[in-house]
Amino acid sequence: MSDTEGAGRHGEMRFRPGLMPPLFGDTAATLIVDDDPVVATVLESILSPEGYRCEIATDAAQARALLEQREFALALVDVMMPGQSGLELAADLVAKHRDLAVVMVTGVDEPAIAQLALDSGAYGYVVKPFRDTDVLVAVANAGQRRCREIEHRSHTDRMERMLADKTAELGDVLEGRDPQP
């Protein structure tokens, strides 16, 4: 990636599937979970030309099996599926895969459904019938938010380790021991 590719107006990183630093993992890996093969194929045809590498699952069990085999950065999950609902699946996925950005896909344009999707841990939602731009904006926003959260967590972890090291050094000094290098 060039110095300017992926950089925003103020120098911050913009989400680009597959072109983010290693910290963020494989940002192009995308799981589509939809029991309607036509919808799944349409989503794949929208995302693939933009650099997303898509795998399709037709139900919750198949989605879980794919997530056991490899990591995904993004999952598009249909709200209404046979067996387990997409909302329940999304909540489970978010709980078990903290770096997975979930976008819900729904055929019901109701504020209550949107709120349920967000409450499940989804980063956004798309209403069917959707336009290509609806999908691309939702997944780009989800990816960008995911990357920001991972970066924040990484910085926080680093600061906590530094604080623990400095606290240990101070304890050594206060007890008259030489601090460890």
C-alpha atoms as a PDB file:
ATOM      1  CA  MET A   1       0.000   0.000   0.000  1.00  0.00           C
ATOM      2  CA  SER A   2       1.380   3.422  -0.897  1.00  0.00           C
ATOM      3  CA  ASP A   3       1.855   6.112   1.730  1.00  0.00           C
ATOM      4  CA  THR A   4      -1.325   7.863   0.666  1.00  0.00           C
ATOM      5  CA  GLU A   5      -3.514   4.883  -0.211  1.00  0.00           C
ATOM      6  CA  GLY A   6      -6.026   4.294   2.552  1.00  0.00           C
ATOM      7  CA  ALA A   7      -5.243   7.612   4.297  1.00  0.00           C
ATOM      8  CA  GLY A   8      -8.087  10.020   4.900  1.00  0.00           C
ATOM      9  CA  ARG A   9      -8.086  13.820   4.804  1.00  0.00           C
ATOM     10  CA  HIS A  10      -6.564  14.123   8.253  1.00  0.00           C
ATOM     11  CA  GLY A  11      -4.097  11.248   7.908  1.00  0.00           C
ATOM     12  CA  GLU A  12      -6.356   8.683   9.626  1.00  0.00           C
ATOM     13  CA  MET A  13      -6.679   5.267   8.053  1.00  0.00           C
ATOM     14  CA  ARG A  14      -9.735   4.739   5.866  1.00  0.00           C
ATOM     15  CA  PHE A  15     -11.131   1.252   5.579  1.00  0.00           C
ATOM     16  CA  ARG A  16     -10.082  -0.571   2.429  1.00  0.00           C
ATOM     17  CA  PRO A  17     -10.825  -4.312   2.366  1.00  0.00           C
ATOM     18  CA  GLY A  18      -7.612  -6.292   2.236  1.00  0.00           C
ATOM     19  CA  LEU A  19      -5.350  -3.224   2.369  1.00  0.00           C
ATOM     20  CA  MET A  20      -5.229  -2.475   6.080  1.00  0.00           C
ATOM     21  CA  PRO A  21      -2.110  -3.033   8.239  1.00  0.00           C
ATOM     22  CA  PRO A  22      -1.573  -6.527   9.743  1.00  0.00           C
ATOM     23  CA  LEU A  23      -3.023  -5.384  13.085  1.00  0.00           C
ATOM     24  CA  PHE A  24      -6.487  -5.650  11.565  1.00  0.00           C
ATOM     25  CA  GLY A  25      -6.125  -9.155  10.107  1.00  0.00           C
ATOM     26  CA  ASP A  26      -7.685 -10.093   6.785  1.00  0.00           C
ATOM     27  CA  THR A  27     -10.125  -7.223   6.305  1.00  0.00           C
ATOM     28  CA  ALA A  28     -11.376  -8.661   2.997  1.00  0.00           C
ATOM     29  CA  ALA A  29     -12.660 -11.943   4.507  1.00  0.00           C
ATOM     30  CA  THR A  30     -16.444 -11.710   4.378  1.00  0.00           C
ATOM     31  CA  LEU A  31     -19.115 -14.193   5.429  1.00  0.00           C
ATOM     32  CA  ILE A  32     -22.592 -13.886   3.923  1.00  0.00           C
ATOM     33  CA  VAL A  33     -25.294 -15.738   5.886  1.00  0.00           C
ATOM     34  CA  ASP A  34     -28.606 -15.916   4.034  1.00  0.00           C
ATOM     35  CA  ASP A  35     -30.997 -18.789   3.357  1.00  0.00           C
ATOM     36  CA  ASP A  36     -31.997 -17.199   0.028  1.00  0.00           C
ATOM     37  CA  PRO A  37     -29.310 -18.118  -2.520  1.00  0.00           C
ATOM     38  CA  VAL A  38     -30.358 -15.286  -4.831  1.00  0.00           C
ATOM     39  CA  VAL A  39     -29.829 -12.641  -2.137  1.00  0.00           C
ATOM     40  CA  ALA A  40     -26.528 -14.215  -1.089  1.00  0.00           C
ATOM     41  CA  THR A  41     -25.294 -14.241  -4.695  1.00  0.00           C
ATOM     42  CA  VAL A  42     -26.366 -10.620  -5.235  1.00  0.00           C
ATOM     43  CA  LEU A  43     -24.496  -9.546  -2.083  1.00  0.00           C
ATOM     44  CA  GLU A  44     -21.422 -11.431  -3.259  1.00  0.00           C
ATOM     45  CA  SER A  45     -21.646  -9.819  -6.715  1.00  0.00           C
ATOM     46  CA  ILE A  46     -21.750  -6.367  -5.099  1.00  0.00           C
ATOM     47  CA  LEU A  47     -18.870  -6.985  -2.686  1.00  0.00           C
ATOM     48  CA  SER A  48     -16.420  -9.085  -4.714  1.00  0.00           C
ATOM     49  CA  PRO A  49     -15.524  -6.375  -7.285  1.00  0.00           C
ATOM     50  CA  GLU A  50     -14.716  -4.069  -4.345  1.00  0.00           C
ATOM     51  CA  GLY A  51     -12.089  -6.455  -2.978  1.00  0.00           C
ATOM     52  CA  TYR A  52     -14.140  -8.424  -0.454  1.00  0.00           C
ATOM     53  CA  ARG A  53     -13.528 -12.202  -0.537  1.00  0.00           C
ATOM     54  CA  CYS A  54     -16.913 -13.753   0.188  1.00  0.00           C
ATOM     55  CA  GLU A  55     -18.007 -17.139   1.482  1.00  0.00           C
ATOM     56  CA  ILE A  56     -21.681 -18.006   1.736  1.00  0.00           C
ATOM     57  CA  ALA A  57     -23.486 -19.891   4.514  1.00  0.00           C
ATOM     58  CA  THR A  58     -27.153 -20.791   4.167  1.00  0.00           C
ATOM     59  CA  ASP A  59     -27.915 -21.078   7.896  1.00  0.00           C
ATOM     60  CA  ALA A  60     -26.548 -20.447  11.383  1.00  0.00           C
ATOM     61  CA  ALA A  61     -24.947 -23.891  11.725  1.00  0.00           C
ATOM     62  CA  GLN A  62     -23.023 -23.533   8.482  1.00  0.00           C
ATOM     63  CA  ALA A  63     -21.926 -20.012   9.481  1.00  0.00           C
ATOM     64  CA  ARG A  64     -20.576 -21.295  12.788  1.00  0.00           C
ATOM     65  CA  ALA A  65     -18.720 -24.121  11.020  1.00  0.00           C
ATOM     66  CA  LEU A  66     -17.041 -21.639   8.651  1.00  0.00           C
ATOM     67  CA  LEU A  67     -16.066 -19.409  11.589  1.00  0.00           C
ATOM     68  CA  GLU A  68     -14.430 -22.400  13.279  1.00  0.00           C
ATOM     69  CA  GLN A  69     -12.298 -22.952  10.165  1.00  0.00           C
ATOM     70  CA  ARG A  70     -11.110 -19.369   9.659  1.00  0.00           C
ATOM     71  CA  GLU A  71     -11.463 -15.775  10.772  1.00  0.00           C
ATOM     72  CA  PHE A  72     -13.679 -13.275   9.031  1.00  0.00           C
ATOM     73  CA  ALA A  73     -13.578  -9.511   9.387  1.00  0.00           C
ATOM     74  CA  LEU A  74     -17.151  -8.985   8.261  1.00  0.00           C
ATOM     75  CA  ALA A  75     -20.420 -10.939   8.292  1.00  0.00           C
ATOM     76  CA  LEU A  76     -23.634  -9.967   6.549  1.00  0.00           C
ATOM     77  CA  VAL A  77     -26.447 -11.837   8.303  1.00  0.00           C
ATOM     78  CA  ASP A  78     -30.072 -12.122   7.219  1.00  0.00           C
ATOM     79  CA  VAL A  79     -32.465 -11.300  10.055  1.00  0.00           C
ATOM     80  CA  MET A  80     -35.059 -13.942   9.149  1.00  0.00           C
ATOM     81  CA  MET A  81     -33.725 -17.474   8.684  1.00  0.00           C
ATOM     82  CA  PRO A  82     -35.120 -20.906   9.463  1.00  0.00           C
ATOM     83  CA  GLY A  83     -33.903 -22.409  12.717  1.00  0.00           C
ATOM     84  CA  GLN A  84     -32.112 -19.664  14.574  1.00  0.00           C
ATOM     85  CA  SER A  85     -32.904 -16.039  13.750  1.00  0.00           C
ATOM     86  CA  GLY A  86     -30.196 -13.828  12.344  1.00  0.00           C
ATOM     87  CA  LEU A  87     -30.527 -11.566  15.391  1.00  0.00           C
ATOM     88  CA  GLU A  88     -29.713 -14.458  17.728  1.00  0.00           C
ATOM     89  CA  LEU A  89     -26.881 -15.577  15.457  1.00  0.00           C
ATOM     90  CA  ALA A  90     -25.463 -12.048  15.332  1.00  0.00           C
ATOM     91  CA  ALA A  91     -25.480 -11.762  19.126  1.00  0.00           C
ATOM     92  CA  ASP A  92     -23.703 -15.131  19.412  1.00  0.00           C
ATOM     93  CA  LEU A  93     -21.129 -14.227  16.762  1.00  0.00           C
ATOM     94  CA  VAL A  94     -20.337 -10.866  18.338  1.00  0.00           C
ATOM     95  CA  ALA A  95     -19.915 -12.517  21.756  1.00  0.00           C
ATOM     96  CA  LYS A  96     -17.577 -15.240  20.449  1.00  0.00           C
ATOM     97  CA  HIS A  97     -15.680 -13.305  17.751  1.00  0.00           C
ATOM     98  CA  ARG A  98     -14.986  -9.846  19.139  1.00  0.00           C
ATOM     99  CA  ASP A  99     -13.214  -8.647  15.986  1.00  0.00           C
ATOM    100  CA  LEU A 100     -16.083  -9.599  13.663  1.00  0.00           C
ATOM    101  CA  ALA A 101     -18.124  -6.712  12.267  1.00  0.00           C
ATOM    102  CA  VAL A 102     -21.716  -7.808  11.670  1.00  0.00           C
ATOM    103  CA  VAL A 103     -24.117  -6.073   9.302  1.00  0.00           C
ATOM    104  CA  MET A 104     -27.727  -7.251   9.376  1.00  0.00           C
ATOM    105  CA  VAL A 105     -29.741  -7.667   6.181  1.00  0.00           C
ATOM    106  CA  THR A 106     -33.504  -7.371   6.596  1.00  0.00           C
ATOM    107  CA  GLY A 107     -36.609  -7.314   4.461  1.00  0.00           C
ATOM    108  CA  VAL A 108     -38.530  -5.373   7.102  1.00  0.00           C
ATOM    109  CA  ASP A 109     -38.037  -1.608   7.109  1.00  0.00           C
ATOM    110  CA  GLU A 110     -39.125  -0.969  10.701  1.00  0.00           C
ATOM    111  CA  PRO A 111     -37.285   1.124  13.309  1.00  0.00           C
ATOM    112  CA  ALA A 112     -37.886  -1.631  15.886  1.00  0.00           C
ATOM    113  CA  ILE A 113     -36.068  -4.186  13.704  1.00  0.00           C
ATOM    114  CA  ALA A 114     -33.218  -1.749  13.160  1.00  0.00           C
ATOM    115  CA  GLN A 115     -32.935  -1.244  16.906  1.00  0.00           C
ATOM    116  CA  LEU A 116     -32.977  -4.998  17.523  1.00  0.00           C
ATOM    117  CA  ALA A 117     -30.204  -5.392  14.942  1.00  0.00           C
ATOM    118  CA  LEU A 118     -28.058  -2.778  16.656  1.00  0.00           C
ATOM    119  CA  ASP A 119     -28.862  -4.232  20.087  1.00  0.00           C
ATOM    120  CA  SER A 120     -27.639  -7.629  18.864  1.00  0.00           C
ATOM    121  CA  GLY A 121     -24.203  -6.089  18.346  1.00  0.00           C
ATOM    122  CA  ALA A 122     -24.484  -5.399  14.639  1.00  0.00           C
ATOM    123  CA  TYR A 123     -22.544  -2.440  13.281  1.00  0.00           C
ATOM    124  CA  GLY A 124     -25.314  -1.600  10.841  1.00  0.00           C
ATOM    125  CA  TYR A 125     -28.107  -2.949   8.704  1.00  0.00           C
ATOM    126  CA  VAL A 126     -29.298  -2.955   5.110  1.00  0.00           C
ATOM    127  CA  VAL A 127     -32.950  -3.150   4.070  1.00  0.00           C
ATOM    128  CA  LYS A 128     -34.039  -5.324   1.132  1.00  0.00           C
ATOM    129  CA  PRO A 129     -34.506  -4.503  -1.637  1.00  0.00           C
ATOM    130  CA  PHE A 130     -31.172  -2.731  -1.411  1.00  0.00           C
ATOM    131  CA  ARG A 131     -29.071  -0.738  -3.799  1.00  0.00           C
ATOM    132  CA  ASP A 132     -25.404  -1.540  -4.309  1.00  0.00           C
ATOM    133  CA  THR A 133     -24.425   1.696  -2.589  1.00  0.00           C
ATOM    134  CA  ASP A 134     -26.523   0.808   0.487  1.00  0.00           C
ATOM    135  CA  VAL A 135     -24.516  -2.385   0.927  1.00  0.00           C
ATOM    136  CA  LEU A 136     -21.136  -0.814   0.158  1.00  0.00           C
ATOM    137  CA  VAL A 137     -21.654   2.077   2.575  1.00  0.00           C
ATOM    138  CA  ALA A 138     -22.873  -0.227   5.361  1.00  0.00           C
ATOM    139  CA  VAL A 139     -19.946  -2.642   5.042  1.00  0.00           C
ATOM    140  CA  ALA A 140     -17.339   0.121   4.666  1.00  0.00           C
ATOM    141  CA  ASN A 141     -18.667   1.839   7.796  1.00  0.00           C
ATOM    142  CA  ALA A 142     -18.694  -1.470   9.676  1.00  0.00           C
ATOM    143  CA  GLY A 143     -15.140  -2.238   8.580  1.00  0.00           C
ATOM    144  CA  GLN A 144     -13.898   1.204   9.520  1.00  0.00           C
ATOM    145  CA  ARG A 145     -15.541   1.002  12.945  1.00  0.00           C
ATOM    146  CA  ARG A 146     -14.108  -2.489  13.491  1.00  0.00           C
ATOM    147  CA  CYS A 147     -10.603  -1.275  12.639  1.00  0.00           C
ATOM    148  CA  ARG A 148     -10.941   1.727  14.974  1.00  0.00           C
ATOM    149  CA  GLU A 149     -12.055  -0.539  17.823  1.00  0.00           C
ATOM    150  CA  ILE A 150      -9.164  -2.961  17.257  1.00  0.00           C
ATOM    151  CA  GLU A 151      -6.701  -0.064  17.118  1.00  0.00           C
ATOM    152  CA  HIS A 152      -8.149   1.446  20.304  1.00  0.00           C
ATOM    153  CA  ARG A 153      -7.964  -1.906  22.092  1.00  0.00           C
ATOM    154  CA  SER A 154      -4.354  -2.363  20.947  1.00  0.00           C
ATOM    155  CA  HIS A 155      -3.362   1.100  22.238  1.00  0.00           C
ATOM    156  CA  THR A 156      -5.209   0.534  25.514  1.00  0.00           C
ATOM    157  CA  ASP A 157      -3.486  -2.827  26.033  1.00  0.00           C
ATOM    158  CA  ARG A 158      -0.092  -1.257  25.322  1.00  0.00           C
ATOM    159  CA  MET A 159      -0.750   1.615  27.747  1.00  0.00           C
ATOM    160  CA  GLU A 160      -1.896  -0.799  30.465  1.00  0.00           C
ATOM    161  CA  ARG A 161       1.307  -2.846  30.055  1.00  0.00           C
ATOM    162  CA  MET A 162       3.431   0.320  30.241  1.00  0.00           C
ATOM    163  CA  LEU A 163       1.569   1.448  33.357  1.00  0.00           C
ATOM    164  CA  ALA A 164       2.062  -1.954  35.016  1.00  0.00           C
ATOM    165  CA  ASP A 165       5.802  -1.861  34.192  1.00  0.00           C
ATOM    166  CA  LYS A 166       6.200   1.664  35.590  1.00  0.00           C
ATOM    167  CA  THR A 167       4.223   0.753  38.720  1.00  0.00           C
ATOM    168  CA  ALA A 168       6.514  -2.232  39.295  1.00  0.00           C
ATOM    169  CA  GLU A 169       9.585  -0.020  38.818  1.00  0.00           C
ATOM    170  CA  LEU A 170       8.243   2.536  41.270  1.00  0.00           C
ATOM    171  CA  GLY A 171       7.537  -0.223  43.806  1.00  0.00           C
ATOM    172  CA  ASP A 172      11.129  -1.435  43.431  1.00  0.00           C
ATOM    173  CA  VAL A 173      12.494   2.079  43.956  1.00  0.00           C
ATOM    174  CA  LEU A 174      10.294   2.665  46.998  1.00  0.00           C
ATOM    175  CA  GLU A 175      11.445  -0.634  48.510  1.00  0.00           C
ATOM    176  CA  GLY A 176      15.110   0.217  47.863  1.00  0.00           C
ATOM    177  CA  ARG A 177      15.657  -2.348  45.090  1.00  0.00           C
ATOM    178  CA  ASP A 178      17.231  -1.549  41.738  1.00  0.00           C
ATOM    179  CA  PRO A 179      14.500  -1.422  39.067  1.00  0.00           C
ATOM    180  CA  GLN A 180      14.665  -4.272  36.546  1.00  0.00           C
ATOM    181  CA  PRO A 181      15.629  -3.155  33.007  1.00  0.00           C
END
